């Protein structure tokens, strides 16, 4: 680099040691992965939350299970819950103890809610890993680069800052890239966790509403038999 010339990020990358270059590439890939996950999961969770909110609202006015099928838009969650209720009611047909049936319905719906939450959570774990490790990966690149700069001082037999300044700048760039990858990853992870919590609450509302409707059908059936 000639004196007085501007040291750009691209030039710092090209002049860096191959290990520092590998660290920078890894952090750049982590940053791209962070934004890809954020955009994809935001779209998925937003669409799912909007649909579940509509389903939860419609269930409040459903008088029986047949009415649910008539007025409620379908989703994987609601279809699985309704199918589980239908199976349990068929298997429990002829049993007089409604308390046991209600308990089994609650258990089935709870397992479906948990499975739905696990599916929705798929894909966000890398954000936590990136947020936790990216600063340390960047720091490793910085330490390695500064170590090479000090070696350069010894080999050049001079203490001039101009000799080692580019190497130090390249090393510090690795730390900057580590922070640039980690901060968005942490913020994105926390944002998606909040979205997941809202969807979990909606799934719980839907499960409770379907259970209530099924219990009302059971009580009507019991009243008709008496």
Protein backbone atom coordinates (compact mmCIF):
# COMPACT_ATOMS: atom_id res chain seq x y z
CA UNK A 1 0.00 0.00 0.00
CA UNK A 2 1.43 3.39 -1.00
CA UNK A 3 1.71 6.19 1.61
CA UNK A 4 -1.40 8.33 1.88
CA UNK A 5 -3.60 5.82 0.07
CA UNK A 6 -6.91 4.86 1.60
CA UNK A 7 -7.08 1.42 3.21
CA UNK A 8 -10.47 -0.05 2.26
CA UNK A 9 -12.20 -3.02 3.81
CA UNK A 10 -11.63 -5.08 0.67
CA UNK A 11 -7.93 -4.24 0.66
CA UNK A 12 -7.65 -5.17 4.33
CA UNK A 13 -9.22 -8.52 3.56
CA UNK A 14 -6.87 -9.24 0.65
CA UNK A 15 -3.78 -8.25 2.65
CA UNK A 16 -4.75 -10.25 5.75
CA UNK A 17 -3.26 -13.59 6.74
CA UNK A 18 -5.15 -16.58 5.35
CA UNK A 19 -6.39 -17.53 8.82
CA UNK A 20 -7.78 -14.04 9.36
CA UNK A 21 -9.35 -14.23 5.90
CA UNK A 22 -11.01 -17.53 6.85
CA UNK A 23 -12.36 -15.94 10.04
CA UNK A 24 -13.77 -13.02 8.05
CA UNK A 25 -15.42 -15.34 5.52
CA UNK A 26 -16.93 -17.42 8.32
CA UNK A 27 -18.35 -14.32 10.01
CA UNK A 28 -19.70 -13.00 6.71
CA UNK A 29 -21.45 -16.33 6.11
CA UNK A 30 -22.85 -16.22 9.66
CA UNK A 31 -24.21 -12.73 9.03
CA UNK A 32 -25.90 -13.83 5.79
CA UNK A 33 -27.38 -16.84 7.59
CA UNK A 34 -28.70 -14.59 10.36
CA UNK A 35 -30.61 -12.33 7.99
CA UNK A 36 -31.89 -15.29 5.97
CA UNK A 37 -33.29 -16.99 9.07
CA UNK A 38 -34.78 -13.74 10.36
CA UNK A 39 -36.65 -12.97 7.14
CA UNK A 40 -37.82 -16.54 6.56
CA UNK A 41 -38.98 -17.17 10.13
CA UNK A 42 -40.60 -13.74 10.45
CA UNK A 43 -42.70 -14.43 7.36
CA UNK A 44 -43.62 -17.92 8.58
CA UNK A 45 -44.48 -16.85 12.14
CA UNK A 46 -46.37 -13.75 11.02
CA UNK A 47 -48.51 -15.78 8.61
CA UNK A 48 -49.10 -18.52 11.20
CA UNK A 49 -49.96 -16.04 13.94
CA UNK A 50 -52.45 -14.21 11.74
CA UNK A 51 -54.22 -17.46 10.84
CA UNK A 52 -54.28 -18.75 14.43
CA UNK A 53 -55.69 -15.45 15.67
CA UNK A 54 -58.54 -15.75 13.18
CA UNK A 55 -59.18 -19.36 14.19
CA UNK A 56 -59.14 -18.49 17.90
CA UNK A 57 -61.68 -15.71 17.30
CA UNK A 58 -64.03 -17.99 15.33
CA UNK A 59 -63.89 -20.72 17.96
CA UNK A 60 -65.40 -18.41 20.55
CA UNK A 61 -68.71 -18.55 18.67
CA UNK A 62 -68.70 -22.27 17.82
CA UNK A 63 -71.55 -24.14 19.47
CA UNK A 64 -70.40 -27.65 18.57
CA UNK A 65 -67.70 -29.54 16.69
CA UNK A 66 -69.66 -29.51 13.44
CA UNK A 67 -69.89 -25.72 13.63
CA UNK A 68 -66.09 -25.52 13.97
CA UNK A 69 -65.62 -27.25 10.62
CA UNK A 70 -68.16 -24.92 9.03
CA UNK A 71 -66.84 -21.51 10.15
CA UNK A 72 -63.17 -22.04 11.04
CA UNK A 73 -60.37 -21.77 8.45
CA UNK A 74 -58.12 -24.80 8.43
CA UNK A 75 -54.54 -24.95 9.62
CA UNK A 76 -52.22 -27.83 10.47
CA UNK A 77 -52.75 -27.16 14.17
CA UNK A 78 -56.55 -26.96 14.15
CA UNK A 79 -56.90 -29.94 11.80
CA UNK A 80 -54.67 -32.09 14.02
CA UNK A 81 -56.58 -31.03 17.13
CA UNK A 82 -59.98 -31.72 15.58
CA UNK A 83 -58.76 -35.08 14.28
CA UNK A 84 -57.43 -35.97 17.75
CA UNK A 85 -60.76 -35.00 19.34
CA UNK A 86 -62.67 -37.10 16.81
CA UNK A 87 -60.44 -40.13 17.41
CA UNK A 88 -60.71 -39.82 21.19
CA UNK A 89 -64.49 -39.47 21.09
CA UNK A 90 -64.75 -42.53 18.83
CA UNK A 91 -62.46 -44.58 21.05
CA UNK A 92 -64.37 -43.47 24.15
CA UNK A 93 -67.78 -44.15 22.64
CA UNK A 94 -70.07 -45.90 25.10
CA UNK A 95 -68.08 -44.92 28.18
CA UNK A 96 -70.13 -43.22 30.85
CA UNK A 97 -67.38 -41.37 32.74
CA UNK A 98 -67.07 -38.02 30.94
CA UNK A 99 -64.36 -36.85 33.36
CA UNK A 100 -61.96 -39.47 32.00
CA UNK A 101 -62.79 -38.52 28.42
CA UNK A 102 -62.16 -34.84 29.16
CA UNK A 103 -58.81 -35.65 30.74
CA UNK A 104 -57.73 -37.69 27.71
CA UNK A 105 -58.86 -34.92 25.37
CA UNK A 106 -56.81 -32.37 27.33
CA UNK A 107 -53.76 -34.66 27.19
CA UNK A 108 -54.04 -35.18 23.43
CA UNK A 109 -54.46 -31.46 22.74
CA UNK A 110 -51.55 -30.56 25.00
CA UNK A 111 -49.21 -32.92 23.12
CA UNK A 112 -50.31 -31.42 19.80
CA UNK A 113 -49.62 -27.91 21.12
CA UNK A 114 -46.12 -28.91 22.22
CA UNK A 115 -45.38 -30.57 18.87
CA UNK A 116 -46.59 -27.46 17.05
CA UNK A 117 -44.34 -25.26 19.18
CA UNK A 118 -41.33 -27.47 18.37
CA UNK A 119 -42.07 -27.20 14.64
CA UNK A 120 -42.37 -23.43 14.85
CA UNK A 121 -39.10 -23.20 16.78
CA UNK A 122 -37.16 -25.16 14.16
CA UNK A 123 -34.49 -23.04 12.49
CA UNK A 124 -33.83 -20.37 15.10
CA UNK A 125 -31.22 -22.24 17.14
CA UNK A 126 -28.35 -21.11 14.84
CA UNK A 127 -29.13 -17.51 15.81
CA UNK A 128 -28.32 -18.26 19.44
CA UNK A 129 -25.09 -20.01 18.43
CA UNK A 130 -24.03 -17.13 16.18
CA UNK A 131 -24.82 -14.55 18.84
CA UNK A 132 -22.79 -16.44 21.44
CA UNK A 133 -19.75 -17.40 19.35
CA UNK A 134 -19.30 -14.71 16.68
CA UNK A 135 -17.56 -12.17 18.99
CA UNK A 136 -15.06 -14.81 20.12
CA UNK A 137 -14.41 -15.97 16.56
CA UNK A 138 -13.75 -12.36 15.59
CA UNK A 139 -11.50 -11.94 18.62
CA UNK A 140 -9.51 -14.99 17.56
CA UNK A 141 -8.94 -13.38 14.17
CA UNK A 142 -7.87 -10.16 15.85
CA UNK A 143 -5.40 -11.87 18.19
CA UNK A 144 -3.94 -13.85 15.30
CA UNK A 145 -3.58 -10.73 13.15
CA UNK A 146 -1.97 -8.66 15.90
CA UNK A 147 0.40 -11.53 16.64
CA UNK A 148 1.49 -11.46 13.00
CA UNK A 149 1.92 -7.68 13.22
CA UNK A 150 4.29 -8.03 16.16
CA UNK A 151 6.20 -10.68 14.26
CA UNK A 152 6.45 -8.18 11.41
CA UNK A 153 7.88 -5.58 13.82
CA UNK A 154 10.56 -8.02 14.91
CA UNK A 155 11.45 -8.99 11.36
CA UNK A 156 11.55 -5.37 10.13
CA UNK A 157 13.63 -4.36 13.16
CA UNK A 158 11.63 -1.14 13.52
CA UNK A 159 9.00 0.26 15.86
CA UNK A 160 7.41 2.50 13.24
CA UNK A 161 3.62 2.45 13.48
CA UNK A 162 3.32 2.77 9.72
CA UNK A 163 4.82 -0.69 9.35
CA UNK A 164 2.29 -2.47 11.55
CA UNK A 165 -0.77 -0.20 11.25
CA UNK A 166 -2.27 -2.03 8.24
CA UNK A 167 -1.87 -5.41 9.94
CA UNK A 168 -3.48 -4.14 13.13
CA UNK A 169 -6.33 -2.61 11.13
CA UNK A 170 -6.90 -5.94 9.37
CA UNK A 171 -6.94 -7.71 12.72
CA UNK A 172 -9.42 -5.28 14.26
CA UNK A 173 -11.67 -5.71 11.23
CA UNK A 174 -12.21 -9.32 12.33
CA UNK A 175 -13.52 -8.14 15.70
CA UNK A 176 -15.79 -5.61 14.01
CA UNK A 177 -17.19 -8.32 11.74
CA UNK A 178 -17.72 -10.57 14.76
CA UNK A 179 -19.80 -7.90 16.47
CA UNK A 180 -21.63 -7.13 13.23
CA UNK A 181 -22.64 -10.79 13.03
CA UNK A 182 -23.42 -11.29 16.73
CA UNK A 183 -25.55 -8.22 17.49
CA UNK A 184 -28.18 -8.79 14.76
CA UNK A 185 -28.25 -12.51 15.64
CA UNK A 186 -29.05 -11.80 19.30
CA UNK A 187 -31.69 -9.20 18.41
CA UNK A 188 -33.24 -11.49 15.80
CA UNK A 189 -33.32 -14.43 18.21
CA UNK A 190 -35.06 -12.39 20.92
CA UNK A 191 -37.56 -11.02 18.39
CA UNK A 192 -38.43 -14.48 17.07
CA UNK A 193 -38.74 -15.88 20.59
CA UNK A 194 -41.34 -13.19 21.34
CA UNK A 195 -43.22 -14.13 18.19
CA UNK A 196 -43.08 -17.79 19.19
CA UNK A 197 -44.46 -16.95 22.64
CA UNK A 198 -47.43 -15.18 21.04
CA UNK A 199 -48.09 -18.16 18.77
CA UNK A 200 -47.81 -20.54 21.72
CA UNK A 201 -50.47 -18.52 23.55
CA UNK A 202 -52.74 -18.61 20.49
CA UNK A 203 -52.24 -22.37 20.16
CA UNK A 204 -53.19 -22.75 23.82
CA UNK A 205 -56.31 -20.65 23.27
CA UNK A 206 -57.31 -22.80 20.29
CA UNK A 207 -56.72 -26.02 22.21
CA UNK A 208 -58.77 -24.76 25.16
CA UNK A 209 -61.60 -23.60 22.90
CA UNK A 210 -61.77 -26.93 21.03
CA UNK A 211 -61.71 -28.80 24.35
CA UNK A 212 -64.56 -26.65 25.66
CA UNK A 213 -66.66 -27.28 22.54
CA UNK A 214 -65.99 -31.04 22.75
CA UNK A 215 -66.94 -31.07 26.42
CA UNK A 216 -70.20 -29.30 25.64
CA UNK A 217 -70.95 -31.94 23.00
CA UNK A 218 -70.25 -34.66 25.57
CA UNK A 219 -72.58 -33.08 28.10
CA UNK A 220 -75.32 -32.69 25.50
CA UNK A 221 -74.94 -36.35 24.58
CA UNK A 222 -75.11 -37.33 28.21
CA UNK A 223 -78.20 -35.23 28.74
CA UNK A 224 -79.91 -36.84 25.76
CA UNK A 225 -79.29 -40.33 27.18
CA UNK A 226 -80.79 -39.50 30.55
